[in-house]
Amino acid sequence: MRILFITNTPPLPTQGGAMTFFRHFVERDDFEIAVVTDDKSIKQHNVVYPYKIINPGRLGTRIRNSRLHKLEQSYRRIVGVRKLHSSILKFAQEFEPDAIFTVGGSWTWMAIIAAKAARKLQLPLIGSFNDWWDYCATYHSNTAYLIEKRFRSFYKKCDLAICTSEGMHRELGPHKNTVILYPSGAKLTERTNFTPALSKFVIGFGGNLGDWYGPMLERLIDATPDIEYKIFGFNPSWSSSFDKKIKSKDFYKGSVNFDLLKQEMQKCNALLLLMGFGASCAMVEKTSFKTKFLDYLTFQRPIILWGPDYCSAAIAAKEFDSAEVCTINDAKAAATTIYNLKNSPVRQAELVRNAQTMYNERFNPDNLHQLLVKSISKTIKTNRVKMIRQCWLFLGLVSIKLGHLRNILKHTYYKYLYKGQLQHSKDLRLPYQFDLSLSPDSKLIIAEGCYFSPYGRIETLKKALIEISSGVYFNRHCSIVAMEKITIGENCLFGENVKIYDHNHRFKSTSLIKDQGYTTAPITIGRNVWVGSDVTILKGVTVGDNSVIGAGCVISENIPANHVVSRQPALSIEPISN
């Protein structure tokens, strides 16, 4: 699947949503992506995908750097861009995406551009809602109502809305196609030995130190003078006196990459997770789900969570008893929680075990990724069917009596519905009355010069493969159903009502046959084989070259090359005499 990102949050190995997108769309092989963004920091990373950087222009840049920046940001969030720039369309058309992806959370002008591009290119729009609209947003207070209205309207317009938590979905309301997808944490690749602390107690913290978290950390450290800390992060917002204090104690380590952070965190005795208190951040904490919490789970250390009881991480932690939670906005209460954990090695080990259970049951990255792949794949396929139906309606109204146009439309329908699964020559023409059904991960290969009569059927189940060589002729009502593999050689002829099945029901017990599953074995039909009408070929059969199967036969054993099979009245297999 080819996904075009139009967003201010490109997939980068940094933090937050960018890291989640990187883990889903870059580190794995299910997607091929390209990015349009206004984030110039993308140049600092050795990204493997094509990207295009756009900017608001000279005038927009000057306004953004002036006293009118709040008004400018508000205007862009409400109005966006009136006309989609031709360079973005050209970039998209060259990439040929299957869908447009953007970040609805934080609601920037890039989301509006993405919506316009999706409408222009007639592609599904996928929005990721991982933060509430006003988080880290600069806007004029008088425009808040209009911006929120646009934000909620954008949510409704997305063909797929990805909510990062139950709280986000609850606040945004019902949607025609939505999925709750928790952020993707790091993979739990190996287990580390955890030994509860008996004397020295070191607490680790990693993440954003701005907004509400820096002052909270300052108060907590002052309340726990005998506790050692390792602080990793960016954008620290604390007093100058506190800055000198923690630097003298060598608590603050600066910002590091994830691999080094993991090594340092696994040297700590416990990990600290902070959630903001107060009305200004309440909606953010209710709707977002911190990737930091999920990464902490993989470090296999006891977690201390200090934040309000309504935040998503606190709710999950209480459900699984996977963290020591303090929901009181008081540093002394949080300090008491820390000391109680420090003095209870049994509790430390219990939290680590429960955290692993929560990771495996709810936040396993493999399971989350498969949910994302399934959701996007379904959305893309639904959009293709929708577009094809619209095309079908148009052509049907214009030329309802022209059968060849219906055949072309049917071929086009299958071409786009099974993009990447159906491999065929340019001369393939499927009749309007032909039924084709391919399961995900299966494949159908049709060589040149094949002819399909009306009312035929080809179906694949599971990861089956069907290979049809050149010059093969199928008469009416032929049916091919594969669960493993069916191969048909060159220049074969099939009469009416021929059935080919490479599978059969198990029936070794007295339970319901439908509940016993299937047995499978590949079918191989050689070159220049003539199969008469009403013939059934069953699993595991090999039919040799130049053979003839008479009408009405049921073939369950191999047919040598150059033989004739007939019923007279019993099944007879005779060599062809010259």
Protein backbone atom coordinates (compact mmCIF):
# COMPACT_ATOMS: atom_id res chain seq x y z
CA MET A 1 0.00 0.00 0.00
CA ARG A 2 1.29 3.42 -1.01
CA ILE A 3 0.51 6.17 1.50
CA LEU A 4 1.11 9.89 0.96
CA PHE A 5 1.67 11.76 4.23
CA ILE A 6 0.59 15.41 4.14
CA THR A 7 1.28 16.48 7.68
CA ASN A 8 3.27 18.64 10.05
CA THR A 9 4.25 15.41 11.88
CA PRO A 10 6.24 13.25 9.44
CA PRO A 11 7.40 9.75 10.44
CA LEU A 12 10.70 10.36 12.24
CA PRO A 13 12.61 8.47 14.96
CA THR A 14 12.16 11.31 17.45
CA GLN A 15 9.26 11.24 19.91
CA GLY A 16 5.49 11.18 20.28
CA GLY A 17 3.35 10.76 17.19
CA ALA A 18 6.34 11.04 14.84
CA MET A 19 7.94 7.98 16.48
CA THR A 20 4.67 6.02 16.32
CA PHE A 21 4.30 6.76 12.59
CA PHE A 22 7.95 5.83 12.05
CA ARG A 23 7.44 2.44 13.71
CA HIS A 24 4.33 1.68 11.65
CA PHE A 25 5.23 3.09 8.24
CA VAL A 26 9.04 2.98 8.03
CA GLU A 27 10.37 0.20 10.23
CA ARG A 28 7.91 -2.31 8.76
CA ASP A 29 7.39 -3.43 5.17
CA ASP A 30 3.62 -3.19 4.75
CA PHE A 31 3.64 0.39 3.47
CA GLU A 32 5.48 2.51 0.93
CA ILE A 33 5.29 6.20 1.84
CA ALA A 34 6.07 9.69 0.61
CA VAL A 35 5.80 12.87 2.70
CA VAL A 36 4.68 16.46 2.14
CA THR A 37 5.43 18.54 5.23
CA ASP A 38 6.26 21.97 6.59
CA ASP A 39 8.63 20.45 9.16
CA LYS A 40 12.11 21.41 7.96
CA SER A 41 13.76 19.22 10.61
CA ILE A 42 13.18 16.28 8.30
CA LYS A 43 16.39 17.32 6.51
CA GLN A 44 18.38 16.39 9.63
CA HIS A 45 17.35 12.74 9.37
CA ASN A 46 18.52 10.21 6.83
CA VAL A 47 14.99 9.27 5.76
CA VAL A 48 14.55 6.53 3.19
CA TYR A 49 11.33 7.88 1.70
CA PRO A 50 10.82 10.77 -0.77
CA TYR A 51 9.62 14.04 0.73
CA LYS A 52 8.68 17.58 -0.21
CA ILE A 53 8.91 20.60 2.11
CA ILE A 54 6.38 23.41 1.69
CA ASN A 55 6.20 26.75 3.45
CA PRO A 56 3.67 29.59 3.73
CA GLY A 57 5.74 31.87 1.54
CA ARG A 58 7.59 35.10 2.32
CA LEU A 59 4.55 37.06 3.44
CA GLY A 60 3.28 34.20 5.61
CA THR A 61 6.74 33.79 7.18
CA ARG A 62 6.96 37.52 7.98
CA ILE A 63 3.50 37.52 9.58
CA ARG A 64 4.33 34.36 11.53
CA ASN A 65 7.38 36.11 13.01
CA SER A 66 5.46 39.27 13.87
CA ARG A 67 2.94 40.25 16.54
CA LEU A 68 0.19 39.06 14.23
CA HIS A 69 1.32 35.40 14.40
CA LYS A 70 -1.72 34.29 16.44
CA LEU A 71 -4.06 35.85 13.91
CA GLU A 72 -2.15 34.23 11.04
CA GLN A 73 -2.24 30.79 12.70
CA SER A 74 -5.95 31.14 13.42
CA TYR A 75 -6.65 32.10 9.81
CA ARG A 76 -4.79 29.05 8.50
CA ARG A 77 -6.64 26.72 10.87
CA ILE A 78 -10.02 28.12 9.82
CA VAL A 79 -9.55 28.85 6.12
CA GLY A 80 -6.40 26.95 5.18
CA VAL A 81 -5.43 27.36 1.54
CA ARG A 82 -7.95 28.34 -1.13
CA LYS A 83 -6.14 26.57 -3.95
CA LEU A 84 -4.05 23.41 -3.81
CA HIS A 85 -0.55 24.17 -5.05
CA SER A 86 0.30 22.47 -8.34
CA SER A 87 3.66 21.21 -7.01
CA ILE A 88 1.86 19.15 -4.32
CA LEU A 89 -0.44 17.61 -6.92
CA LYS A 90 2.50 16.83 -9.19
CA PHE A 91 4.40 15.21 -6.32
CA ALA A 92 1.34 13.12 -5.42
CA GLN A 93 0.61 12.07 -9.00
CA GLU A 94 4.20 10.94 -9.50
CA PHE A 95 4.02 8.83 -6.33
CA GLU A 96 0.59 7.36 -7.22
CA PRO A 97 -0.67 6.83 -3.64
CA ASP A 98 -3.55 4.61 -2.59
CA ALA A 99 -4.53 6.96 0.26
CA ILE A 100 -3.76 10.32 1.89
CA PHE A 101 -2.65 10.31 5.55
CA THR A 102 -2.62 13.32 7.85
CA VAL A 103 -2.62 14.23 11.53
CA GLY A 104 -5.96 15.62 12.64
CA GLY A 105 -4.74 16.21 16.15
CA SER A 106 -3.27 19.69 16.79
CA TRP A 107 -5.26 20.77 13.69
CA THR A 108 -2.83 22.62 11.42
CA TRP A 109 -3.17 23.96 7.89
CA MET A 110 -1.47 20.80 6.62
CA ALA A 111 -4.59 18.81 7.52
CA ILE A 112 -6.67 21.14 5.36
CA ILE A 113 -4.24 20.66 2.46
CA ALA A 114 -4.50 16.89 2.90
CA ALA A 115 -8.30 17.04 2.72
CA LYS A 116 -8.16 19.11 -0.47
CA ALA A 117 -5.62 16.74 -2.04
CA ALA A 118 -7.70 13.66 -1.18
CA ARG A 119 -10.79 15.23 -2.73
CA LYS A 120 -8.89 16.35 -5.83
CA LEU A 121 -7.23 12.95 -6.38
CA GLN A 122 -10.37 11.02 -5.33
CA LEU A 123 -8.42 9.10 -2.69
CA PRO A 124 -9.47 8.07 0.82
CA LEU A 125 -8.48 10.48 3.60
CA ILE A 126 -7.01 8.92 6.75
CA GLY A 127 -6.71 11.13 9.82
CA SER A 128 -4.79 10.29 12.99
CA PHE A 129 -6.24 11.97 16.08
CA ASN A 130 -3.53 11.59 18.70
CA ASP A 131 -3.80 15.01 20.43
CA TRP A 132 -6.64 17.38 21.13
CA TRP A 133 -6.85 20.26 18.65
CA ASP A 134 -5.46 23.02 20.90
CA TYR A 135 -2.43 21.09 22.18
CA CYS A 136 0.70 23.14 21.50
CA ALA A 137 -1.37 25.25 19.11
CA THR A 138 -0.97 28.99 18.65
CA TYR A 139 -4.28 30.68 17.93
CA HIS A 140 -6.28 33.77 18.79
CA SER A 141 -8.62 33.16 21.71
CA ASN A 142 -11.56 34.73 19.87
CA THR A 143 -11.31 32.11 17.13
CA ALA A 144 -11.23 29.04 19.40
CA TYR A 145 -14.88 28.14 18.78
CA LEU A 146 -14.49 28.23 14.98
CA ILE A 147 -11.26 26.21 15.05
CA GLU A 148 -12.79 23.51 17.23
CA LYS A 149 -15.80 23.38 14.93
CA ARG A 150 -13.52 22.86 11.92
CA PHE A 151 -11.59 20.23 13.86
CA ARG A 152 -14.71 18.20 14.63
CA SER A 153 -15.96 18.62 11.06
CA PHE A 154 -12.65 17.34 9.72
CA TYR A 155 -13.01 14.24 11.92
CA LYS A 156 -16.37 13.48 10.30
CA LYS A 157 -14.98 13.92 6.78
CA CYS A 158 -12.15 11.40 7.19
CA ASP A 159 -12.74 8.09 5.45
CA LEU A 160 -10.80 6.47 8.32
CA ALA A 161 -10.38 8.17 11.71
CA ILE A 162 -7.64 6.71 13.92
CA CYS A 163 -8.21 7.63 17.58
CA THR A 164 -5.32 7.17 19.96
CA SER A 165 -7.52 6.34 22.96
CA GLU A 166 -11.06 5.63 24.09
CA GLY A 167 -11.11 9.16 25.52
CA MET A 168 -10.38 10.70 22.10
CA HIS A 169 -13.12 8.64 20.46
CA ARG A 170 -15.56 9.53 23.23
CA GLU A 171 -14.91 13.27 22.89
CA LEU A 172 -15.07 13.30 19.08
CA GLY A 173 -18.21 11.16 18.94
CA PRO A 174 -19.45 8.49 16.51
CA HIS A 175 -17.87 8.04 13.08
CA LYS A 176 -18.69 5.97 9.98
CA ASN A 177 -15.27 4.28 10.03
CA THR A 178 -13.06 4.63 13.07
CA VAL A 179 -10.55 2.50 14.97
CA ILE A 180 -9.00 2.95 18.41
CA LEU A 181 -5.30 2.40 17.89
CA TYR A 182 -2.97 2.92 20.82
CA PRO A 183 0.47 4.36 20.02
CA SER A 184 3.04 1.77 19.04
CA GLY A 185 5.69 1.33 21.71
CA ALA A 186 9.07 -0.26 21.23
CA LYS A 187 9.29 -3.99 20.65
CA LEU A 188 10.01 -6.17 23.65
CA THR A 189 12.95 -8.01 22.15
CA GLU A 190 14.54 -9.52 25.23
CA ARG A 191 13.93 -9.83 28.93
CA THR A 192 16.26 -8.23 31.40
CA ASN A 193 16.85 -9.34 34.95
CA PHE A 194 15.10 -7.08 37.42
CA THR A 195 16.46 -6.89 40.93
CA PRO A 196 14.49 -4.77 43.41
CA ALA A 197 16.44 -1.95 45.02
CA LEU A 198 17.53 -2.52 48.62
CA SER A 199 19.47 0.67 49.35
CA LYS A 200 20.24 3.13 46.56
CA PHE A 201 17.12 4.11 44.59
CA VAL A 202 17.47 5.73 41.16
CA ILE A 203 14.46 7.07 39.24
CA GLY A 204 14.60 7.63 35.48
CA PHE A 205 12.59 10.10 33.39
CA GLY A 206 12.58 10.51 29.62
CA GLY A 207 10.53 12.87 27.45
CA ASN A 208 9.30 16.45 27.05
CA LEU A 209 10.25 18.69 29.97
CA GLY A 210 8.22 21.65 28.76
CA ASP A 211 4.54 22.50 29.20
CA TRP A 212 3.43 21.21 32.62
CA TYR A 213 6.04 18.50 33.17
CA GLY A 214 9.13 20.58 34.01
CA PRO A 215 7.56 22.38 36.99
CA MET A 216 6.07 19.10 38.26
CA LEU A 217 9.48 17.45 38.15
CA GLU A 218 11.01 20.41 39.98
CA ARG A 219 8.51 20.11 42.83
CA LEU A 220 8.93 16.35 43.06
CA ILE A 221 12.72 16.41 43.23
CA ASP A 222 12.58 19.05 45.96
CA ALA A 223 10.22 16.76 47.89
CA THR A 224 12.57 13.74 47.59
CA PRO A 225 16.06 15.08 48.50
CA ASP A 226 17.56 11.60 49.12
CA ILE A 227 16.41 10.11 45.80
CA GLU A 228 18.73 10.05 42.79
CA TYR A 229 17.33 10.91 39.35
CA LYS A 230 18.38 10.44 35.74
CA ILE A 231 16.52 12.97 33.57
CA PHE A 232 16.54 12.74 29.77
CA GLY A 233 14.55 15.13 27.63
CA PHE A 234 14.21 18.40 25.79
CA ASN A 235 12.70 21.84 26.26
CA PRO A 236 13.21 22.05 30.05
CA SER A 237 10.98 24.62 31.75
CA TRP A 238 12.16 25.09 35.32
CA SER A 239 13.70 27.86 37.38
CA SER A 240 17.33 28.92 37.01
CA SER A 241 18.09 27.98 40.63
CA PHE A 242 16.68 24.50 40.07
CA ASP A 243 18.66 24.20 36.87
CA LYS A 244 21.88 24.82 38.77
CA LYS A 245 20.80 22.37 41.45
CA ILE A 246 20.14 19.38 39.21
CA LYS A 247 23.21 20.04 37.11
CA SER A 248 25.38 20.11 40.22
CA LYS A 249 23.92 16.72 41.17
CA ASP A 250 24.33 15.51 37.57
CA PHE A 251 20.64 14.62 37.32
CA TYR A 252 19.97 16.20 33.93
CA LYS A 253 21.50 14.22 31.05
CA GLY A 254 20.03 16.15 28.11
CA SER A 255 18.30 14.64 25.08
CA VAL A 256 19.53 11.26 23.72
CA ASN A 257 18.40 8.76 21.08
CA PHE A 258 16.07 5.93 21.96
CA ASP A 259 18.68 3.16 22.06
CA LEU A 260 20.83 5.05 24.57
CA LEU A 261 17.74 6.03 26.56
CA LYS A 262 16.75 2.37 26.85
CA GLN A 263 20.19 1.41 28.14
CA GLU A 264 20.16 4.15 30.76
CA MET A 265 16.59 3.50 31.86
CA GLN A 266 17.31 -0.19 32.45
CA LYS A 267 20.00 0.89 34.90
CA CYS A 268 17.39 2.69 37.02
CA ASN A 269 15.31 1.18 39.82
CA ALA A 270 12.04 2.83 38.76
CA LEU A 271 10.69 5.04 35.97
CA LEU A 272 8.67 8.23 36.38
CA LEU A 273 5.69 9.18 34.21
CA LEU A 274 4.15 12.65 34.61
CA MET A 275 0.67 13.79 33.54
CA GLY A 276 -0.44 17.41 33.81
CA PHE A 277 -3.00 18.62 36.34
CA GLY A 278 -5.29 21.59 35.88
CA ALA A 279 -7.99 22.80 33.50
CA SER A 280 -5.55 23.95 30.79
CA CYS A 281 -4.36 20.42 30.10
CA ALA A 282 -7.38 18.37 31.16
CA MET A 283 -8.70 17.73 27.65
CA VAL A 284 -5.23 16.77 26.40
CA GLU A 285 -4.69 14.24 29.17
CA LYS A 286 -8.19 12.79 28.71
CA THR A 287 -7.79 12.19 24.98
CA SER A 288 -4.11 11.50 24.32
CA PHE A 289 -2.11 8.41 25.18
CA LYS A 290 1.56 9.01 25.93
CA THR A 291 4.00 6.90 23.91
CA LYS A 292 6.39 7.32 26.82
CA PHE A 293 4.25 4.99 28.95
CA LEU A 294 4.35 2.25 26.31
CA ASP A 295 8.11 2.59 25.89
CA TYR A 296 8.51 2.36 29.64
CA LEU A 297 6.77 -1.04 29.57
CA THR A 298 9.59 -2.43 27.44
CA PHE A 299 12.28 -1.22 29.85
CA GLN A 300 10.97 -3.73 32.42
CA ARG A 301 11.25 -1.52 35.46
CA PRO A 302 8.55 -0.51 37.99
CA ILE A 303 6.65 2.60 36.86
CA ILE A 304 5.54 5.52 39.03
CA LEU A 305 2.72 7.57 37.47
CA TRP A 306 1.87 10.99 38.87
CA GLY A 307 -1.14 12.54 37.21
CA PRO A 308 -4.94 13.00 37.33
CA ASP A 309 -7.19 9.95 37.52
CA TYR A 310 -8.91 10.77 34.22
CA CYS A 311 -5.80 10.51 32.00
CA SER A 312 -5.71 7.50 29.68
CA ALA A 313 -2.43 6.08 31.00
CA ALA A 314 -3.65 6.20 34.61
CA ILE A 315 -6.87 4.39 33.71
CA ALA A 316 -4.95 1.62 31.94
CA ALA A 317 -2.38 1.34 34.73
CA LYS A 318 -5.09 0.95 37.37
CA GLU A 319 -6.89 -1.69 35.30
CA PHE A 320 -3.82 -3.93 35.12
CA ASP A 321 -2.17 -2.71 38.35
CA SER A 322 0.90 -2.10 36.21
CA ALA A 323 2.16 1.13 37.85
CA GLU A 324 2.21 2.85 41.22
CA VAL A 325 -0.28 5.67 40.63
CA CYS A 326 -0.62 8.94 42.53
CA THR A 327 -3.59 11.06 41.41
CA ILE A 328 -3.20 13.87 43.96
CA ASN A 329 -1.79 17.18 42.76
CA ASP A 330 0.66 17.39 45.62
CA ALA A 331 4.41 16.72 45.46
CA LYS A 332 4.46 15.36 49.03
CA ALA A 333 1.82 12.76 48.14
CA ALA A 334 3.82 11.74 45.07
CA ALA A 335 6.97 11.54 47.23
CA THR A 336 5.15 9.25 49.65
CA THR A 337 4.25 6.98 46.73
CA ILE A 338 7.94 6.84 45.73
CA TYR A 339 9.17 6.03 49.24
CA ASN A 340 6.54 3.33 49.70
CA LEU A 341 7.66 1.68 46.48
CA LYS A 342 11.33 2.04 47.41
CA ASN A 343 10.72 0.21 50.66
CA SER A 344 8.75 -2.66 49.09
CA PRO A 345 10.87 -4.94 46.84
CA VAL A 346 7.94 -7.34 46.53
CA ARG A 347 5.74 -4.57 45.13
CA GLN A 348 8.46 -3.58 42.66
CA ALA A 349 8.65 -7.10 41.24
CA GLU A 350 4.84 -7.33 41.12
CA LEU A 351 4.56 -4.13 39.07
CA VAL A 352 7.10 -5.39 36.54
CA ARG A 353 5.15 -8.64 36.08
CA ASN A 354 1.83 -6.84 35.70
CA ALA A 355 3.33 -4.39 33.22
CA GLN A 356 4.47 -7.27 31.04
CA THR A 357 0.98 -8.74 31.15
CA MET A 358 -0.53 -5.42 30.07
CA TYR A 359 2.03 -5.08 27.27
CA ASN A 360 1.25 -8.53 25.88
CA GLU A 361 -2.52 -8.30 26.16
CA ARG A 362 -3.24 -4.75 25.05
CA PHE A 363 -0.19 -2.92 23.71
CA ASN A 364 1.70 -5.53 21.71
CA PRO A 365 3.15 -3.60 18.71
CA ASP A 366 2.63 -6.50 16.31
CA ASN A 367 -1.07 -6.70 17.12
CA LEU A 368 -1.47 -2.92 16.89
CA HIS A 369 0.29 -2.85 13.54
CA GLN A 370 -1.89 -5.60 12.10
CA LEU A 371 -4.97 -3.65 13.21
CA LEU A 372 -3.65 -0.58 11.37
CA VAL A 373 -2.82 -2.55 8.21
CA LYS A 374 -6.25 -4.17 8.20
CA SER A 375 -8.05 -0.86 8.75
CA ILE A 376 -6.17 1.01 6.03
CA SER A 377 -6.45 -1.88 3.57
CA LYS A 378 -10.20 -2.06 4.12
CA THR A 379 -10.55 1.71 3.65
CA ILE A 380 -8.57 1.67 0.40
CA LYS A 381 -10.57 -1.25 -0.98
CA THR A 382 -13.86 0.38 0.01
CA ASN A 383 -12.86 3.57 -1.79
CA ARG A 384 -11.90 1.64 -4.92
CA VAL A 385 -15.23 -0.15 -4.93
CA LYS A 386 -16.99 3.18 -4.44
CA MET A 387 -15.15 4.80 -7.35
CA ILE A 388 -15.74 1.81 -9.59
CA ARG A 389 -19.43 1.79 -8.73
CA GLN A 390 -19.65 5.46 -9.61
CA CYS A 391 -17.93 4.74 -12.90
CA TRP A 392 -20.24 1.81 -13.47
CA LEU A 393 -23.30 3.95 -12.86
CA PHE A 394 -22.09 6.61 -15.28
CA LEU A 395 -21.22 4.18 -18.04
CA GLY A 396 -24.37 2.18 -17.45
CA LEU A 397 -26.55 5.25 -17.88
CA VAL A 398 -24.71 6.28 -21.04
CA SER A 399 -24.35 2.91 -22.76
CA ILE A 400 -26.46 0.31 -20.99
CA LYS A 401 -26.87 -1.80 -24.14
CA LEU A 402 -23.19 -1.91 -25.11
CA GLY A 403 -21.97 -5.19 -23.66
CA HIS A 404 -18.32 -4.65 -24.49
CA LEU A 405 -18.22 -1.52 -22.35
CA ARG A 406 -19.57 -3.51 -19.42
CA ASN A 407 -16.83 -6.06 -19.97
CA ILE A 408 -14.19 -3.34 -19.90
CA LEU A 409 -15.71 -1.95 -16.72
CA LYS A 410 -15.65 -5.40 -15.08
CA HIS A 411 -12.00 -5.79 -16.02
CA THR A 412 -11.23 -2.34 -14.58
CA TYR A 413 -13.11 -3.23 -11.41
CA TYR A 414 -10.95 -6.31 -10.79
CA LYS A 415 -7.77 -4.50 -11.81
CA TYR A 416 -8.12 -1.90 -9.07
CA LEU A 417 -9.89 -4.06 -6.49
CA TYR A 418 -7.09 -6.65 -6.59
CA LYS A 419 -4.18 -4.33 -7.27
CA GLY A 420 -0.94 -6.23 -6.58
CA GLN A 421 -2.75 -9.61 -6.50
CA LEU A 422 -3.93 -9.93 -10.13
CA GLN A 423 -1.05 -10.28 -12.60
CA HIS A 424 -2.21 -10.44 -16.21
CA SER A 425 -1.39 -9.58 -19.81
CA LYS A 426 -2.69 -6.48 -21.53
CA ASP A 427 -5.07 -8.48 -23.72
CA LEU A 428 -7.05 -9.96 -20.81
CA ARG A 429 -10.79 -9.34 -21.12
CA LEU A 430 -13.17 -10.74 -18.54
CA PRO A 431 -16.88 -11.00 -19.41
CA TYR A 432 -19.35 -8.97 -17.47
CA GLN A 433 -20.89 -12.23 -16.17
CA PHE A 434 -17.56 -13.58 -14.83
CA ASP A 435 -16.98 -13.83 -11.06
CA LEU A 436 -13.51 -13.23 -9.60
CA SER A 437 -12.83 -13.37 -5.85
CA LEU A 438 -9.28 -13.17 -4.44
CA SER A 439 -8.53 -13.38 -0.72
CA PRO A 440 -5.83 -11.11 0.80
CA ASP A 441 -2.23 -12.32 0.25
CA SER A 442 -3.33 -14.67 -2.58
CA LYS A 443 -2.27 -14.28 -6.22
CA LEU A 444 -3.69 -14.98 -9.68
CA ILE A 445 -1.39 -15.02 -12.74
CA ILE A 446 -2.97 -15.09 -16.21
CA ALA A 447 -0.72 -15.22 -19.27
CA GLU A 448 -1.54 -13.77 -22.72
CA GLY A 449 -4.03 -15.25 -25.15
CA CYS A 450 -6.43 -16.70 -22.54
CA TYR A 451 -10.17 -16.67 -23.20
CA PHE A 452 -12.88 -16.73 -20.52
CA SER A 453 -16.50 -17.42 -21.43
CA PRO A 454 -19.38 -15.92 -19.44
CA TYR A 455 -20.62 -17.28 -16.10
CA GLY A 456 -17.19 -18.63 -15.08
CA ARG A 457 -15.66 -18.33 -11.64
CA ILE A 458 -12.17 -18.12 -10.13
CA GLU A 459 -11.73 -17.95 -6.35
CA THR A 460 -8.72 -18.07 -4.04
CA LEU A 461 -8.81 -18.77 -0.31
CA LYS A 462 -6.09 -18.00 2.26
CA LYS A 463 -2.67 -17.52 0.51
CA ALA A 464 -3.41 -19.57 -2.59
CA LEU A 465 -1.72 -19.22 -6.00
CA ILE A 466 -3.33 -19.87 -9.41
CA GLU A 467 -1.14 -19.82 -12.53
CA ILE A 468 -2.80 -19.98 -15.98
CA SER A 469 -0.42 -20.21 -18.93
CA SER A 470 -0.94 -18.72 -22.40
CA GLY A 471 -3.60 -19.82 -24.91
CA VAL A 472 -5.98 -21.45 -22.40
CA TYR A 473 -9.69 -21.58 -23.31
CA PHE A 474 -12.50 -21.80 -20.72
CA ASN A 475 -16.07 -22.53 -21.84
CA ARG A 476 -19.15 -21.46 -19.91
CA HIS A 477 -19.66 -22.17 -16.21
CA CYS A 478 -16.08 -23.27 -15.52
CA SER A 479 -15.08 -22.98 -11.84
CA ILE A 480 -11.58 -22.91 -10.27
CA VAL A 481 -11.25 -22.71 -6.48
CA ALA A 482 -7.83 -22.86 -4.81
CA MET A 483 -6.65 -22.98 -1.20
CA GLU A 484 -3.02 -23.90 -2.03
CA LYS A 485 -1.91 -23.96 -5.71
CA ILE A 486 -3.37 -24.74 -9.14
CA THR A 487 -1.19 -24.64 -12.27
CA ILE A 488 -2.58 -24.90 -15.84
CA GLY A 489 -0.23 -25.35 -18.81
CA GLU A 490 -0.31 -23.78 -22.27
CA ASN A 491 -3.04 -24.27 -24.90
CA CYS A 492 -5.48 -26.23 -22.72
CA LEU A 493 -9.19 -26.49 -23.58
CA PHE A 494 -11.91 -26.75 -20.95
CA GLY A 495 -15.49 -27.66 -21.84
CA GLU A 496 -18.62 -26.41 -20.10
CA ASN A 497 -19.11 -26.80 -16.36
CA VAL A 498 -15.56 -28.00 -15.53
CA LYS A 499 -14.75 -27.85 -11.78
CA ILE A 500 -11.21 -27.77 -10.33
CA TYR A 501 -10.68 -27.92 -6.54
CA ASP A 502 -7.31 -28.32 -4.78
CA HIS A 503 -8.94 -28.97 -1.37
CA ASN A 504 -11.46 -31.21 0.33
CA HIS A 505 -13.30 -31.39 3.65
CA ARG A 506 -11.93 -33.53 6.44
CA PHE A 507 -14.42 -36.14 7.65
CA LYS A 508 -12.62 -38.43 10.08
CA SER A 509 -14.89 -37.89 13.07
CA THR A 510 -18.59 -37.78 13.85
CA SER A 511 -18.56 -34.02 14.44
CA LEU A 512 -19.99 -31.62 11.87
CA ILE A 513 -18.06 -31.80 8.61
CA LYS A 514 -18.00 -28.02 8.30
CA ASP A 515 -16.09 -27.80 11.61
CA GLN A 516 -13.33 -30.28 10.65
CA GLY A 517 -11.40 -28.03 8.28
CA TYR A 518 -9.83 -28.86 4.95
CA THR A 519 -7.02 -30.89 3.42
CA THR A 520 -5.16 -29.42 0.45
CA ALA A 521 -2.78 -30.57 -2.27
CA PRO A 522 -1.64 -28.76 -5.43
CA ILE A 523 -3.11 -29.51 -8.87
CA THR A 524 -0.94 -29.47 -12.01
CA ILE A 525 -2.45 -29.65 -15.50
CA GLY A 526 0.10 -30.01 -18.30
CA ARG A 527 0.24 -28.50 -21.80
CA ASN A 528 -2.26 -29.14 -24.58
CA VAL A 529 -4.81 -30.91 -22.35
CA TRP A 530 -8.45 -31.26 -23.45
CA VAL A 531 -10.98 -31.49 -20.60
CA GLY A 532 -14.54 -32.33 -21.62
CA SER A 533 -17.78 -30.97 -20.17
CA ASP A 534 -18.90 -31.70 -16.59
CA VAL A 535 -15.44 -32.92 -15.49
CA THR A 536 -14.35 -32.51 -11.85
CA ILE A 537 -10.62 -32.49 -11.00
CA LEU A 538 -9.82 -32.99 -7.32
CA LYS A 539 -6.87 -32.15 -5.05
CA GLY A 540 -3.39 -33.58 -5.59
CA VAL A 541 -3.98 -34.53 -9.24
CA THR A 542 -1.35 -34.18 -11.97
CA VAL A 543 -2.56 -34.36 -15.59
CA GLY A 544 0.22 -35.04 -18.10
CA ASP A 545 0.78 -33.21 -21.40
CA ASN A 546 -1.40 -33.96 -24.44
CA SER A 547 -4.03 -35.88 -22.42
CA VAL A 548 -7.78 -35.99 -23.03
CA ILE A 549 -10.43 -36.29 -20.29
CA GLY A 550 -13.87 -37.28 -21.51
CA ALA A 551 -17.11 -35.71 -20.38
CA GLY A 552 -18.50 -36.46 -16.93
CA CYS A 553 -15.32 -37.87 -15.35
CA VAL A 554 -14.28 -37.29 -11.73
CA ILE A 555 -10.48 -37.22 -11.60
CA SER A 556 -8.93 -38.07 -8.24
CA GLU A 557 -5.69 -39.73 -9.41
CA ASN A 558 -2.83 -38.76 -11.68
CA ILE A 559 -3.21 -39.01 -15.48
CA PRO A 560 -0.02 -39.83 -17.39
CA ALA A 561 0.97 -37.83 -20.46
CA ASN A 562 -0.55 -38.80 -23.83
CA HIS A 563 -3.53 -40.70 -22.33
CA VAL A 564 -7.31 -40.67 -22.86
CA VAL A 565 -9.69 -40.89 -19.88
CA SER A 566 -13.33 -41.89 -20.40
CA ARG A 567 -16.35 -43.50 -18.70
CA GLN A 568 -17.64 -46.69 -20.37
CA PRO A 569 -19.29 -47.08 -17.85
CA ALA A 570 -16.34 -47.35 -15.44
CA LEU A 571 -13.41 -45.00 -15.57
CA SER A 572 -10.93 -46.02 -18.30
CA ILE A 573 -7.41 -44.67 -18.82
CA GLU A 574 -5.87 -45.67 -22.18
CA PRO A 575 -2.75 -44.43 -23.98
CA ILE A 576 -3.22 -42.47 -27.18
CA SER A 577 -2.49 -44.70 -30.18
CA ASN A 578 -0.88 -43.21 -33.27
